[in-house]
Protein backbone atom coordinates (compact mmCIF):
# COMPACT_ATOMS: atom_id res chain seq x y z
CA UNK A 1 0.00 0.00 0.00
CA UNK A 2 3.01 2.31 -0.28
CA UNK A 3 1.91 3.42 -3.73
CA UNK A 4 -1.09 5.22 -2.17
CA UNK A 5 1.30 7.57 -0.37
CA UNK A 6 3.20 8.37 -3.56
CA UNK A 7 2.46 12.03 -4.39
CA UNK A 8 2.28 11.33 -8.13
CA UNK A 9 -0.33 8.57 -7.73
CA UNK A 10 -2.41 10.66 -5.34
CA UNK A 11 -2.19 13.68 -7.63
CA UNK A 12 -3.33 11.72 -10.69
CA UNK A 13 -6.22 10.17 -8.75
CA UNK A 14 -7.31 13.58 -7.48
CA UNK A 15 -7.00 15.06 -10.97
CA UNK A 16 -9.12 12.27 -12.46
CA UNK A 17 -11.72 12.63 -9.71
CA UNK A 18 -11.99 16.37 -10.16
CA UNK A 19 -12.26 16.06 -13.93
CA UNK A 20 -14.98 13.42 -13.58
CA UNK A 21 -16.78 15.80 -11.22
CA UNK A 22 -16.72 18.38 -14.06
CA UNK A 23 -14.41 20.81 -12.24
CA UNK A 24 -12.58 23.21 -14.55
CA UNK A 25 -9.39 21.62 -15.92
CA UNK A 26 -7.13 24.48 -14.87
CA UNK A 27 -8.51 24.45 -11.32
CA UNK A 28 -8.11 20.66 -11.21
CA UNK A 29 -4.48 20.88 -12.33
CA UNK A 30 -3.63 23.53 -9.77
CA UNK A 31 -5.36 21.73 -6.89
CA UNK A 32 -3.82 18.36 -7.67
CA UNK A 33 -0.36 19.91 -8.04
CA UNK A 34 -0.65 21.72 -4.71
CA UNK A 35 -1.88 18.60 -2.94
CA UNK A 36 0.95 16.55 -4.44
CA UNK A 37 3.42 19.17 -3.24
CA UNK A 38 2.05 19.02 0.28
CA UNK A 39 2.18 15.21 0.34
CA UNK A 40 5.71 15.31 -1.05
CA UNK A 41 6.86 17.70 1.66
CA UNK A 42 7.24 20.75 -0.55
CA UNK A 43 5.91 24.04 0.77
CA UNK A 44 3.03 25.89 -0.81
CA UNK A 45 5.23 28.65 -2.22
CA UNK A 46 7.68 26.17 -3.72
CA UNK A 47 4.83 24.14 -5.20
CA UNK A 48 3.41 27.23 -6.90
CA UNK A 49 6.86 28.22 -8.19
CA UNK A 50 7.43 24.75 -9.66
CA UNK A 51 3.97 24.77 -11.22
CA UNK A 52 4.50 28.22 -12.76
CA UNK A 53 7.96 27.25 -14.04
CA UNK A 54 6.53 24.12 -15.62
CA UNK A 55 3.75 26.04 -17.31
CA UNK A 56 6.06 28.78 -18.54
CA UNK A 57 8.46 26.26 -20.08
CA UNK A 58 5.65 24.83 -22.21
CA UNK A 59 3.20 27.71 -22.10
CA UNK A 60 1.85 27.49 -25.64
CA UNK A 61 1.23 23.76 -25.59
CA UNK A 62 -0.12 23.75 -22.04
CA UNK A 63 -2.47 26.64 -22.74
CA UNK A 64 -3.76 24.92 -25.87
CA UNK A 65 -4.51 21.72 -23.95
CA UNK A 66 -6.18 23.61 -21.12
CA UNK A 67 -8.35 25.67 -23.45
CA UNK A 68 -9.36 22.60 -25.44
CA UNK A 69 -10.45 20.88 -22.24
CA UNK A 70 -12.73 23.67 -21.08
PDB file of N, CA and C in Angstrom:
ATOM      1  N   UNK A   1       0.802  -1.202   0.000  1.00  0.00           N
ATOM      2  CA  UNK A   1       0.000   0.000   0.000  1.00  0.00           C
ATOM      3  C   UNK A   1       0.846   1.268   0.000  1.00  0.00           C
ATOM      4  N   UNK A   2       2.146   1.136  -0.224  1.00  0.00           N
ATOM      5  CA  UNK A   2       3.010   2.310  -0.275  1.00  0.00           C
ATOM      6  C   UNK A   2       2.712   3.190  -1.478  1.00  0.00           C
ATOM      7  N   UNK A   3       2.171   2.614  -2.534  1.00  0.00           N
ATOM      8  CA  UNK A   3       1.906   3.418  -3.728  1.00  0.00           C
ATOM      9  C   UNK A   3       0.807   4.448  -3.483  1.00  0.00           C
ATOM     10  N   UNK A   4      -0.037   4.243  -2.464  1.00  0.00           N
ATOM     11  CA  UNK A   4      -1.086   5.221  -2.166  1.00  0.00           C
ATOM     12  C   UNK A   4      -0.539   6.466  -1.476  1.00  0.00           C
ATOM     13  N   UNK A   5       0.687   6.390  -0.971  1.00  0.00           N
ATOM     14  CA  UNK A   5       1.298   7.571  -0.366  1.00  0.00           C
ATOM     15  C   UNK A   5       2.247   8.272  -1.334  1.00  0.00           C
ATOM     16  N   UNK A   6       2.371   7.744  -2.536  1.00  0.00           N
ATOM     17  CA  UNK A   6       3.200   8.372  -3.559  1.00  0.00           C
ATOM     18  C   UNK A   6       2.477   9.629  -4.059  1.00  0.00           C
ATOM     19  N   UNK A   7       3.129  10.789  -3.986  1.00  0.00           N
ATOM     20  CA  UNK A   7       2.459  12.033  -4.391  1.00  0.00           C
ATOM     21  C   UNK A   7       1.975  12.035  -5.836  1.00  0.00           C
ATOM     22  N   UNK A   8       2.689  11.357  -6.716  1.00  0.00           N
ATOM     23  CA  UNK A   8       2.278  11.325  -8.126  1.00  0.00           C
ATOM     24  C   UNK A   8       0.969  10.560  -8.282  1.00  0.00           C
ATOM     25  N   UNK A   9       0.885   9.399  -7.639  1.00  0.00           N
ATOM     26  CA  UNK A   9      -0.326   8.574  -7.735  1.00  0.00           C
ATOM     27  C   UNK A   9      -1.516   9.322  -7.146  1.00  0.00           C
ATOM     28  N   UNK A  10      -1.323   9.917  -5.979  1.00  0.00           N
ATOM     29  CA  UNK A  10      -2.406  10.661  -5.337  1.00  0.00           C
ATOM     30  C   UNK A  10      -2.838  11.836  -6.209  1.00  0.00           C
ATOM     31  N   UNK A  11      -1.878  12.529  -6.782  1.00  0.00           N
ATOM     32  CA  UNK A  11      -2.187  13.676  -7.632  1.00  0.00           C
ATOM     33  C   UNK A  11      -2.992  13.270  -8.860  1.00  0.00           C
ATOM     34  N   UNK A  12      -2.608  12.186  -9.497  1.00  0.00           N
ATOM     35  CA  UNK A  12      -3.333  11.718 -10.686  1.00  0.00           C
ATOM     36  C   UNK A  12      -4.743  11.277 -10.315  1.00  0.00           C
ATOM     37  N   UNK A  13      -4.890  10.590  -9.187  1.00  0.00           N
ATOM     38  CA  UNK A  13      -6.223  10.167  -8.754  1.00  0.00           C
ATOM     39  C   UNK A  13      -7.113  11.372  -8.440  1.00  0.00           C
ATOM     40  N   UNK A  14      -6.549  12.363  -7.780  1.00  0.00           N
ATOM     41  CA  UNK A  14      -7.314  13.580  -7.483  1.00  0.00           C
ATOM     42  C   UNK A  14      -7.683  14.307  -8.772  1.00  0.00           C
ATOM     43  N   UNK A  15      -6.734  14.398  -9.689  1.00  0.00           N
ATOM     44  CA  UNK A  15      -6.996  15.060 -10.970  1.00  0.00           C
ATOM     45  C   UNK A  15      -8.112  14.349 -11.728  1.00  0.00           C
ATOM     46  N   UNK A  16      -8.065  13.032 -11.771  1.00  0.00           N
ATOM     47  CA  UNK A  16      -9.123  12.271 -12.456  1.00  0.00           C
ATOM     48  C   UNK A  16     -10.473  12.472 -11.777  1.00  0.00           C
ATOM     49  N   UNK A  17     -10.477  12.438 -10.448  1.00  0.00           N
ATOM     50  CA  UNK A  17     -11.724  12.632  -9.715  1.00  0.00           C
ATOM     51  C   UNK A  17     -12.326  14.007  -9.945  1.00  0.00           C
ATOM     52  N   UNK A  18     -11.487  15.018  -9.926  1.00  0.00           N
ATOM     53  CA  UNK A  18     -11.988  16.374 -10.156  1.00  0.00           C
ATOM     54  C   UNK A  18     -12.494  16.552 -11.583  1.00  0.00           C
ATOM     55  N   UNK A  19     -11.807  15.957 -12.539  1.00  0.00           N
ATOM     56  CA  UNK A  19     -12.264  16.060 -13.929  1.00  0.00           C
ATOM     57  C   UNK A  19     -13.575  15.312 -14.130  1.00  0.00           C
ATOM     58  N   UNK A  20     -13.716  14.157 -13.483  1.00  0.00           N
ATOM     59  CA  UNK A  20     -14.978  13.422 -13.576  1.00  0.00           C
ATOM     60  C   UNK A  20     -16.116  14.178 -12.897  1.00  0.00           C
ATOM     61  N   UNK A  21     -15.776  14.989 -11.900  1.00  0.00           N
ATOM     62  CA  UNK A  21     -16.781  15.803 -11.216  1.00  0.00           C
ATOM     63  C   UNK A  21     -17.078  17.098 -11.976  1.00  0.00           C
ATOM     64  N   UNK A  22     -16.496  17.239 -13.161  1.00  0.00           N
ATOM     65  CA  UNK A  22     -16.717  18.375 -14.056  1.00  0.00           C
ATOM     66  C   UNK A  22     -16.175  19.693 -13.498  1.00  0.00           C
ATOM     67  N   UNK A  23     -15.088  19.599 -12.718  1.00  0.00           N
ATOM     68  CA  UNK A  23     -14.408  20.805 -12.244  1.00  0.00           C
ATOM     69  C   UNK A  23     -13.540  21.312 -13.390  1.00  0.00           C
ATOM     70  N   UNK A  24     -13.391  22.608 -13.506  1.00  0.00           N
ATOM     71  CA  UNK A  24     -12.575  23.213 -14.550  1.00  0.00           C
ATOM     72  C   UNK A  24     -11.191  22.564 -14.571  1.00  0.00           C
ATOM     73  N   UNK A  25     -10.663  22.327 -15.763  1.00  0.00           N
ATOM     74  CA  UNK A  25      -9.392  21.618 -15.921  1.00  0.00           C
ATOM     75  C   UNK A  25      -8.246  22.387 -15.275  1.00  0.00           C
ATOM     76  N   UNK A  26      -8.212  23.688 -15.449  1.00  0.00           N
ATOM     77  CA  UNK A  26      -7.132  24.481 -14.866  1.00  0.00           C
ATOM     78  C   UNK A  26      -7.178  24.436 -13.342  1.00  0.00           C
ATOM     79  N   UNK A  27      -8.357  24.540 -12.773  1.00  0.00           N
ATOM     80  CA  UNK A  27      -8.508  24.452 -11.319  1.00  0.00           C
ATOM     81  C   UNK A  27      -8.099  23.062 -10.835  1.00  0.00           C
ATOM     82  N   UNK A  28      -8.480  22.031 -11.573  1.00  0.00           N
ATOM     83  CA  UNK A  28      -8.115  20.663 -11.210  1.00  0.00           C
ATOM     84  C   UNK A  28      -6.606  20.467 -11.224  1.00  0.00           C
ATOM     85  N   UNK A  29      -5.937  20.992 -12.249  1.00  0.00           N
ATOM     86  CA  UNK A  29      -4.477  20.883 -12.329  1.00  0.00           C
ATOM     87  C   UNK A  29      -3.793  21.582 -11.164  1.00  0.00           C
ATOM     88  N   UNK A  30      -4.256  22.771 -10.854  1.00  0.00           N
ATOM     89  CA  UNK A  30      -3.634  23.534  -9.769  1.00  0.00           C
ATOM     90  C   UNK A  30      -3.853  22.842  -8.432  1.00  0.00           C
ATOM     91  N   UNK A  31      -5.078  22.409  -8.158  1.00  0.00           N
ATOM     92  CA  UNK A  31      -5.358  21.733  -6.893  1.00  0.00           C
ATOM     93  C   UNK A  31      -4.572  20.440  -6.741  1.00  0.00           C
ATOM     94  N   UNK A  32      -4.542  19.634  -7.778  1.00  0.00           N
ATOM     95  CA  UNK A  32      -3.823  18.364  -7.672  1.00  0.00           C
ATOM     96  C   UNK A  32      -2.323  18.584  -7.532  1.00  0.00           C
ATOM     97  N   UNK A  33      -1.787  19.609  -8.179  1.00  0.00           N
ATOM     98  CA  UNK A  33      -0.359  19.912  -8.037  1.00  0.00           C
ATOM     99  C   UNK A  33      -0.037  20.392  -6.629  1.00  0.00           C
ATOM    100  N   UNK A  34      -0.885  21.233  -6.065  1.00  0.00           N
ATOM    101  CA  UNK A  34      -0.646  21.724  -4.708  1.00  0.00           C
ATOM    102  C   UNK A  34      -0.765  20.611  -3.675  1.00  0.00           C
ATOM    103  N   UNK A  35      -1.729  19.731  -3.859  1.00  0.00           N
ATOM    104  CA  UNK A  35      -1.882  18.604  -2.938  1.00  0.00           C
ATOM    105  C   UNK A  35      -0.695  17.659  -3.045  1.00  0.00           C
ATOM    106  N   UNK A  36      -0.225  17.409  -4.260  1.00  0.00           N
ATOM    107  CA  UNK A  36       0.954  16.553  -4.436  1.00  0.00           C
ATOM    108  C   UNK A  36       2.179  17.181  -3.786  1.00  0.00           C
ATOM    109  N   UNK A  37       2.311  18.487  -3.884  1.00  0.00           N
ATOM    110  CA  UNK A  37       3.425  19.172  -3.239  1.00  0.00           C
ATOM    111  C   UNK A  37       3.378  19.041  -1.731  1.00  0.00           C
ATOM    112  N   UNK A  38       2.186  19.155  -1.168  1.00  0.00           N
ATOM    113  CA  UNK A  38       2.048  19.016   0.279  1.00  0.00           C
ATOM    114  C   UNK A  38       2.359  17.594   0.733  1.00  0.00           C
ATOM    115  N   UNK A  39       1.893  16.609  -0.005  1.00  0.00           N
ATOM    116  CA  UNK A  39       2.177  15.212   0.339  1.00  0.00           C
ATOM    117  C   UNK A  39       3.665  14.922   0.190  1.00  0.00           C
ATOM    118  N   UNK A  40       4.289  15.521  -0.807  1.00  0.00           N
ATOM    119  CA  UNK A  40       5.712  15.310  -1.052  1.00  0.00           C
ATOM    120  C   UNK A  40       6.621  16.100  -0.134  1.00  0.00           C
ATOM    121  N   UNK A  41       6.059  16.940   0.717  1.00  0.00           N
ATOM    122  CA  UNK A  41       6.861  17.696   1.662  1.00  0.00           C
ATOM    123  C   UNK A  41       7.395  19.008   1.123  1.00  0.00           C
ATOM    124  N   UNK A  42       6.837  19.466   0.023  1.00  0.00           N
ATOM    125  CA  UNK A  42       7.243  20.749  -0.554  1.00  0.00           C
ATOM    126  C   UNK A  42       6.266  21.805  -0.043  1.00  0.00           C
ATOM    127  N   UNK A  43       6.765  22.964   0.286  1.00  0.00           N
ATOM    128  CA  UNK A  43       5.908  24.037   0.775  1.00  0.00           C
ATOM    129  C   UNK A  43       4.985  24.570  -0.304  1.00  0.00           C
ATOM    130  N   UNK A  44       4.010  25.335   0.123  1.00  0.00           N
ATOM    131  CA  UNK A  44       3.028  25.888  -0.808  1.00  0.00           C
ATOM    132  C   UNK A  44       3.677  26.844  -1.807  1.00  0.00           C
ATOM    133  N   UNK A  45       4.562  27.694  -1.325  1.00  0.00           N
ATOM    134  CA  UNK A  45       5.225  28.653  -2.216  1.00  0.00           C
ATOM    135  C   UNK A  45       6.105  27.940  -3.240  1.00  0.00           C
ATOM    136  N   UNK A  46       6.831  26.922  -2.796  1.00  0.00           N
ATOM    137  CA  UNK A  46       7.681  26.168  -3.722  1.00  0.00           C
ATOM    138  C   UNK A  46       6.847  25.387  -4.733  1.00  0.00           C
ATOM    139  N   UNK A  47       5.710  24.859  -4.283  1.00  0.00           N
ATOM    140  CA  UNK A  47       4.826  24.140  -5.204  1.00  0.00           C
ATOM    141  C   UNK A  47       4.305  25.066  -6.298  1.00  0.00           C
ATOM    142  N   UNK A  48       3.902  26.273  -5.910  1.00  0.00           N
ATOM    143  CA  UNK A  48       3.407  27.234  -6.895  1.00  0.00           C
ATOM    144  C   UNK A  48       4.513  27.660  -7.852  1.00  0.00           C
ATOM    145  N   UNK A  49       5.734  27.827  -7.334  1.00  0.00           N
ATOM    146  CA  UNK A  49       6.857  28.218  -8.190  1.00  0.00           C
ATOM    147  C   UNK A  49       7.165  27.120  -9.202  1.00  0.00           C
ATOM    148  N   UNK A  50       7.183  25.864  -8.748  1.00  0.00           N
ATOM    149  CA  UNK A  50       7.433  24.749  -9.662  1.00  0.00           C
ATOM    150  C   UNK A  50       6.331  24.635 -10.709  1.00  0.00           C
ATOM    151  N   UNK A  51       5.091  24.836 -10.292  1.00  0.00           N
ATOM    152  CA  UNK A  51       3.970  24.768 -11.223  1.00  0.00           C
ATOM    153  C   UNK A  51       4.070  25.879 -12.267  1.00  0.00           C
ATOM    154  N   UNK A  52       4.373  27.093 -11.822  1.00  0.00           N
ATOM    155  CA  UNK A  52       4.503  28.218 -12.756  1.00  0.00           C
ATOM    156  C   UNK A  52       5.684  28.022 -13.697  1.00  0.00           C
ATOM    157  N   UNK A  53       6.797  27.514 -13.181  1.00  0.00           N
ATOM    158  CA  UNK A  53       7.957  27.251 -14.035  1.00  0.00           C
ATOM    159  C   UNK A  53       7.640  26.187 -15.080  1.00  0.00           C
ATOM    160  N   UNK A  54       6.901  25.170 -14.679  1.00  0.00           N
ATOM    161  CA  UNK A  54       6.528  24.119 -15.620  1.00  0.00           C
ATOM    162  C   UNK A  54       5.600  24.622 -16.706  1.00  0.00           C
ATOM    163  N   UNK A  55       4.653  25.480 -16.316  1.00  0.00           N
ATOM    164  CA  UNK A  55       3.749  26.040 -17.312  1.00  0.00           C
ATOM    165  C   UNK A  55       4.473  27.005 -18.240  1.00  0.00           C
ATOM    166  N   UNK A  56       5.388  27.794 -17.692  1.00  0.00           N
ATOM    167  CA  UNK A  56       6.060  28.778 -18.540  1.00  0.00           C
ATOM    168  C   UNK A  56       7.011  28.118 -19.527  1.00  0.00           C
ATOM    169  N   UNK A  57       7.557  26.960 -19.166  1.00  0.00           N
ATOM    170  CA  UNK A  57       8.461  26.259 -20.077  1.00  0.00           C
ATOM    171  C   UNK A  57       7.711  25.743 -21.304  1.00  0.00           C
ATOM    172  N   UNK A  58       6.461  25.366 -21.118  1.00  0.00           N
ATOM    173  CA  UNK A  58       5.647  24.827 -22.213  1.00  0.00           C
ATOM    174  C   UNK A  58       4.338  25.596 -22.316  1.00  0.00           C
ATOM    175  N   UNK A  59       4.401  26.899 -22.225  1.00  0.00           N
ATOM    176  CA  UNK A  59       3.201  27.714 -22.101  1.00  0.00           C
ATOM    177  C   UNK A  59       2.247  27.554 -23.279  1.00  0.00           C
ATOM    178  N   UNK A  60       2.737  27.559 -24.475  1.00  0.00           N
ATOM    179  CA  UNK A  60       1.854  27.494 -25.640  1.00  0.00           C
ATOM    180  C   UNK A  60       1.125  26.164 -25.695  1.00  0.00           C
ATOM    181  N   UNK A  61       1.848  25.089 -25.535  1.00  0.00           N
ATOM    182  CA  UNK A  61       1.232  23.764 -25.586  1.00  0.00           C
ATOM    183  C   UNK A  61       0.286  23.561 -24.418  1.00  0.00           C
ATOM    184  N   UNK A  62       0.718  23.933 -23.221  1.00  0.00           N
ATOM    185  CA  UNK A  62      -0.122  23.753 -22.039  1.00  0.00           C
ATOM    186  C   UNK A  62      -1.401  24.571 -22.148  1.00  0.00           C
ATOM    187  N   UNK A  63      -1.290  25.795 -22.600  1.00  0.00           N
ATOM    188  CA  UNK A  63      -2.471  26.640 -22.736  1.00  0.00           C
ATOM    189  C   UNK A  63      -3.432  26.074 -23.776  1.00  0.00           C
ATOM    190  N   UNK A  64      -2.905  25.530 -24.849  1.00  0.00           N
ATOM    191  CA  UNK A  64      -3.757  24.920 -25.871  1.00  0.00           C
ATOM    192  C   UNK A  64      -4.528  23.741 -25.302  1.00  0.00           C
ATOM    193  N   UNK A  65      -3.842  22.879 -24.549  1.00  0.00           N
ATOM    194  CA  UNK A  65      -4.509  21.722 -23.947  1.00  0.00           C
ATOM    195  C   UNK A  65      -5.561  22.150 -22.933  1.00  0.00           C
ATOM    196  N   UNK A  66      -5.235  23.150 -22.134  1.00  0.00           N
ATOM    197  CA  UNK A  66      -6.182  23.609 -21.122  1.00  0.00           C
ATOM    198  C   UNK A  66      -7.413  24.214 -21.779  1.00  0.00           C
ATOM    199  N   UNK A  67      -7.214  25.032 -22.794  1.00  0.00           N
ATOM    200  CA  UNK A  67      -8.352  25.665 -23.454  1.00  0.00           C
ATOM    201  C   UNK A  67      -9.198  24.664 -24.224  1.00  0.00           C
ATOM    202  N   UNK A  68      -8.586  23.622 -24.748  1.00  0.00           N
ATOM    203  CA  UNK A  68      -9.360  22.596 -25.442  1.00  0.00           C
ATOM    204  C   UNK A  68     -10.201  21.785 -24.467  1.00  0.00           C
ATOM    205  N   UNK A  69      -9.734  21.671 -23.226  1.00  0.00           N
ATOM    206  CA  UNK A  69     -10.450  20.878 -22.235  1.00  0.00           C
ATOM    207  C   UNK A  69     -11.597  21.611 -21.584  1.00  0.00           C
ATOM    208  N   UNK A  70     -11.666  22.935 -21.760  1.00  0.00           N
ATOM    209  CA  UNK A  70     -12.731  23.672 -21.077  1.00  0.00           C
ATOM    210  C   UNK A  70     -13.870  23.997 -22.000  1.00  0.00           C
TER     211      UNK A  70
END
